[in-house]
Amino acid sequence: TVAYLKSLKDGNGKVGAVGFCWGGGAVNQLAVHAPDLSAGVAYYGMQPKAEDAAKIKAPLLLHYAGLDSRTNAG
């Protein structure tokens, strides 16, 4: 969990996540469900539901293809 990673003595207390394709969707879901996430970068992947967007507290860098109808379907 993010809380566990933040507690590691060799860390700096911040946790970020990067994901590609399926992992990009996982980053988006982590951002929705882990308010203590420090930052996230998603390359493609399913987007969170519109009603969940307000739950995201971490800054995100999102990469999506403008002509990819499957990825951009939501």
N, C-alpha and C. Protein backbone atom coordinates (compact mmCIF):
# COMPACT_ATOMS: atom_id res chain seq x y z
N THR A 1 0.84 -1.19 0.00
CA THR A 1 0.00 0.00 0.00
C THR A 1 0.88 1.25 0.00
N VAL A 2 0.28 2.37 -0.32
CA VAL A 2 1.01 3.64 -0.29
C VAL A 2 1.48 3.93 1.13
N ALA A 3 0.65 3.67 2.11
CA ALA A 3 1.04 3.92 3.51
C ALA A 3 2.28 3.11 3.89
N TYR A 4 2.33 1.85 3.47
CA TYR A 4 3.51 1.03 3.77
C TYR A 4 4.75 1.60 3.10
N LEU A 5 4.65 1.95 1.83
CA LEU A 5 5.81 2.50 1.12
C LEU A 5 6.28 3.80 1.75
N LYS A 6 5.36 4.64 2.18
CA LYS A 6 5.73 5.89 2.83
C LYS A 6 6.45 5.65 4.15
N SER A 7 6.19 4.53 4.80
CA SER A 7 6.77 4.26 6.11
C SER A 7 8.18 3.67 6.06
N LEU A 8 8.65 3.29 4.89
CA LEU A 8 9.98 2.67 4.79
C LEU A 8 11.06 3.66 5.22
N LYS A 9 11.96 3.21 6.08
CA LYS A 9 12.97 4.10 6.66
C LYS A 9 13.95 4.64 5.62
N ASP A 10 14.17 3.92 4.54
CA ASP A 10 15.12 4.37 3.52
C ASP A 10 14.49 5.30 2.49
N GLY A 11 13.21 5.56 2.61
CA GLY A 11 12.52 6.44 1.68
C GLY A 11 12.48 7.87 2.18
N ASN A 12 11.88 8.72 1.39
CA ASN A 12 11.74 10.13 1.78
C ASN A 12 10.31 10.48 2.19
N GLY A 13 9.45 9.46 2.29
CA GLY A 13 8.07 9.69 2.70
C GLY A 13 7.12 10.02 1.57
N LYS A 14 7.63 10.03 0.34
CA LYS A 14 6.77 10.31 -0.81
C LYS A 14 6.69 9.08 -1.69
N VAL A 15 5.52 8.88 -2.30
CA VAL A 15 5.30 7.73 -3.18
C VAL A 15 4.68 8.22 -4.48
N GLY A 16 5.30 7.82 -5.57
CA GLY A 16 4.77 8.11 -6.89
C GLY A 16 4.54 6.81 -7.64
N ALA A 17 3.74 6.86 -8.67
CA ALA A 17 3.44 5.66 -9.46
C ALA A 17 3.46 6.02 -10.94
N VAL A 18 4.00 5.10 -11.75
CA VAL A 18 4.03 5.23 -13.20
C VAL A 18 3.45 3.96 -13.79
N GLY A 19 2.58 4.07 -14.78
CA GLY A 19 2.02 2.89 -15.41
C GLY A 19 1.76 3.09 -16.89
N PHE A 20 1.92 2.01 -17.63
CA PHE A 20 1.69 2.00 -19.07
C PHE A 20 0.55 1.03 -19.38
N CYS A 21 -0.38 1.43 -20.24
CA CYS A 21 -1.49 0.59 -20.67
C CYS A 21 -2.33 0.18 -19.45
N TRP A 22 -2.40 -1.11 -19.13
CA TRP A 22 -3.17 -1.53 -17.95
C TRP A 22 -2.65 -0.82 -16.71
N GLY A 23 -1.34 -0.67 -16.61
CA GLY A 23 -0.74 0.01 -15.46
C GLY A 23 -1.13 1.47 -15.37
N GLY A 24 -1.40 2.10 -16.52
CA GLY A 24 -1.88 3.48 -16.50
C GLY A 24 -3.23 3.58 -15.82
N GLY A 25 -4.10 2.62 -16.11
CA GLY A 25 -5.38 2.57 -15.42
C GLY A 25 -5.21 2.31 -13.94
N ALA A 26 -4.22 1.48 -13.59
CA ALA A 26 -3.95 1.20 -12.18
C ALA A 26 -3.47 2.47 -11.46
N VAL A 27 -2.65 3.26 -12.12
CA VAL A 27 -2.22 4.54 -11.53
C VAL A 27 -3.43 5.43 -11.30
N ASN A 28 -4.33 5.51 -12.27
CA ASN A 28 -5.52 6.34 -12.10
C ASN A 28 -6.38 5.86 -10.94
N GLN A 29 -6.55 4.56 -10.80
CA GLN A 29 -7.34 4.03 -9.69
C GLN A 29 -6.63 4.25 -8.35
N LEU A 30 -5.31 4.11 -8.35
CA LEU A 30 -4.55 4.38 -7.13
C LEU A 30 -4.74 5.83 -6.71
N ALA A 31 -4.71 6.74 -7.67
CA ALA A 31 -4.92 8.15 -7.36
C ALA A 31 -6.30 8.41 -6.76
N VAL A 32 -7.29 7.68 -7.22
CA VAL A 32 -8.65 7.83 -6.69
C VAL A 32 -8.73 7.31 -5.25
N HIS A 33 -8.09 6.18 -5.00
CA HIS A 33 -8.28 5.48 -3.72
C HIS A 33 -7.17 5.69 -2.70
N ALA A 34 -6.11 6.39 -3.06
CA ALA A 34 -5.00 6.62 -2.12
C ALA A 34 -4.71 8.12 -2.04
N PRO A 35 -5.38 8.83 -1.15
CA PRO A 35 -5.18 10.28 -1.07
C PRO A 35 -3.77 10.67 -0.65
N ASP A 36 -2.99 9.71 -0.13
CA ASP A 36 -1.62 10.02 0.28
C ASP A 36 -0.59 9.75 -0.82
N LEU A 37 -1.04 9.42 -2.03
CA LEU A 37 -0.14 9.29 -3.18
C LEU A 37 0.44 10.67 -3.47
N SER A 38 1.76 10.74 -3.71
CA SER A 38 2.41 12.03 -3.95
C SER A 38 2.30 12.50 -5.39
N ALA A 39 2.33 11.58 -6.35
CA ALA A 39 2.24 11.93 -7.77
C ALA A 39 2.00 10.67 -8.58
N GLY A 40 1.45 10.85 -9.78
CA GLY A 40 1.23 9.71 -10.67
C GLY A 40 1.43 10.10 -12.12
N VAL A 41 1.91 9.14 -12.91
CA VAL A 41 2.07 9.33 -14.35
C VAL A 41 1.42 8.14 -15.04
N ALA A 42 0.45 8.39 -15.89
CA ALA A 42 -0.25 7.32 -16.60
C ALA A 42 -0.07 7.50 -18.10
N TYR A 43 0.36 6.43 -18.75
CA TYR A 43 0.42 6.37 -20.20
C TYR A 43 -0.71 5.45 -20.64
N TYR A 44 -1.74 6.03 -21.18
CA TYR A 44 -2.95 5.31 -21.58
C TYR A 44 -3.62 4.71 -20.35
N GLY A 45 -4.35 3.65 -20.50
CA GLY A 45 -5.07 3.07 -19.37
C GLY A 45 -6.43 3.70 -19.20
N MET A 46 -7.31 2.97 -18.57
CA MET A 46 -8.67 3.46 -18.34
C MET A 46 -8.64 4.67 -17.41
N GLN A 47 -9.49 5.61 -17.74
CA GLN A 47 -9.62 6.82 -16.94
C GLN A 47 -10.55 6.54 -15.77
N PRO A 48 -10.39 7.27 -14.67
CA PRO A 48 -11.34 7.09 -13.57
C PRO A 48 -12.72 7.60 -13.97
N LYS A 49 -13.72 7.14 -13.29
CA LYS A 49 -15.08 7.63 -13.54
C LYS A 49 -15.12 9.12 -13.22
N ALA A 50 -15.92 9.85 -13.96
CA ALA A 50 -16.01 11.30 -13.78
C ALA A 50 -16.35 11.67 -12.34
N GLU A 51 -17.22 10.90 -11.71
CA GLU A 51 -17.62 11.22 -10.33
C GLU A 51 -16.50 10.96 -9.33
N ASP A 52 -15.47 10.21 -9.72
CA ASP A 52 -14.33 9.94 -8.83
C ASP A 52 -13.21 10.96 -8.98
N ALA A 53 -13.26 11.79 -10.00
CA ALA A 53 -12.16 12.73 -10.26
C ALA A 53 -11.90 13.66 -9.08
N ALA A 54 -12.92 14.08 -8.38
CA ALA A 54 -12.75 14.99 -7.25
C ALA A 54 -12.00 14.34 -6.09
N LYS A 55 -11.94 13.02 -6.05
CA LYS A 55 -11.23 12.31 -4.98
C LYS A 55 -9.71 12.35 -5.18
N ILE A 56 -9.26 12.69 -6.36
CA ILE A 56 -7.83 12.67 -6.67
C ILE A 56 -7.16 13.90 -6.07
N LYS A 57 -6.18 13.67 -5.21
CA LYS A 57 -5.45 14.75 -4.55
C LYS A 57 -4.04 14.93 -5.10
N ALA A 58 -3.47 13.89 -5.69
CA ALA A 58 -2.10 13.94 -6.19
C ALA A 58 -2.04 14.60 -7.56
N PRO A 59 -0.95 15.30 -7.85
CA PRO A 59 -0.78 15.77 -9.23
C PRO A 59 -0.55 14.59 -10.16
N LEU A 60 -1.17 14.64 -11.32
CA LEU A 60 -1.04 13.56 -12.30
C LEU A 60 -0.55 14.13 -13.63
N LEU A 61 0.26 13.35 -14.32
CA LEU A 61 0.67 13.64 -15.69
C LEU A 61 0.08 12.52 -16.53
N LEU A 62 -0.87 12.86 -17.40
CA LEU A 62 -1.62 11.86 -18.15
C LEU A 62 -1.29 11.95 -19.64
N HIS A 63 -1.01 10.80 -20.24
CA HIS A 63 -0.67 10.73 -21.66
C HIS A 63 -1.71 9.86 -22.36
N TYR A 64 -2.40 10.44 -23.34
CA TYR A 64 -3.39 9.70 -24.12
C TYR A 64 -3.22 10.04 -25.59
N ALA A 65 -3.56 9.12 -26.46
CA ALA A 65 -3.47 9.34 -27.90
C ALA A 65 -4.77 9.95 -28.41
N GLY A 66 -4.65 11.02 -29.12
CA GLY A 66 -5.83 11.72 -29.61
C GLY A 66 -6.68 10.92 -30.58
N LEU A 67 -6.08 9.99 -31.29
CA LEU A 67 -6.82 9.23 -32.29
C LEU A 67 -7.09 7.79 -31.87
N ASP A 68 -6.88 7.47 -30.62
CA ASP A 68 -7.09 6.11 -30.12
C ASP A 68 -8.48 6.01 -29.51
N SER A 69 -9.46 5.60 -30.31
CA SER A 69 -10.85 5.60 -29.84
C SER A 69 -11.08 4.62 -28.70
N ARG A 70 -10.36 3.51 -28.65
CA ARG A 70 -10.55 2.54 -27.57
C ARG A 70 -10.08 3.11 -26.24
N THR A 71 -8.89 3.68 -26.22
CA THR A 71 -8.37 4.26 -24.98
C THR A 71 -9.18 5.46 -24.55
N ASN A 72 -9.58 6.28 -25.48
CA ASN A 72 -10.31 7.49 -25.14
C ASN A 72 -11.79 7.25 -24.87
N ALA A 73 -12.23 6.02 -24.94
CA ALA A 73 -13.64 5.72 -24.67
C ALA A 73 -14.00 5.95 -23.21
N GLY A 74 -13.00 6.07 -22.36
CA GLY A 74 -13.29 6.38 -20.97
C GLY A 74 -12.88 5.31 -20.06
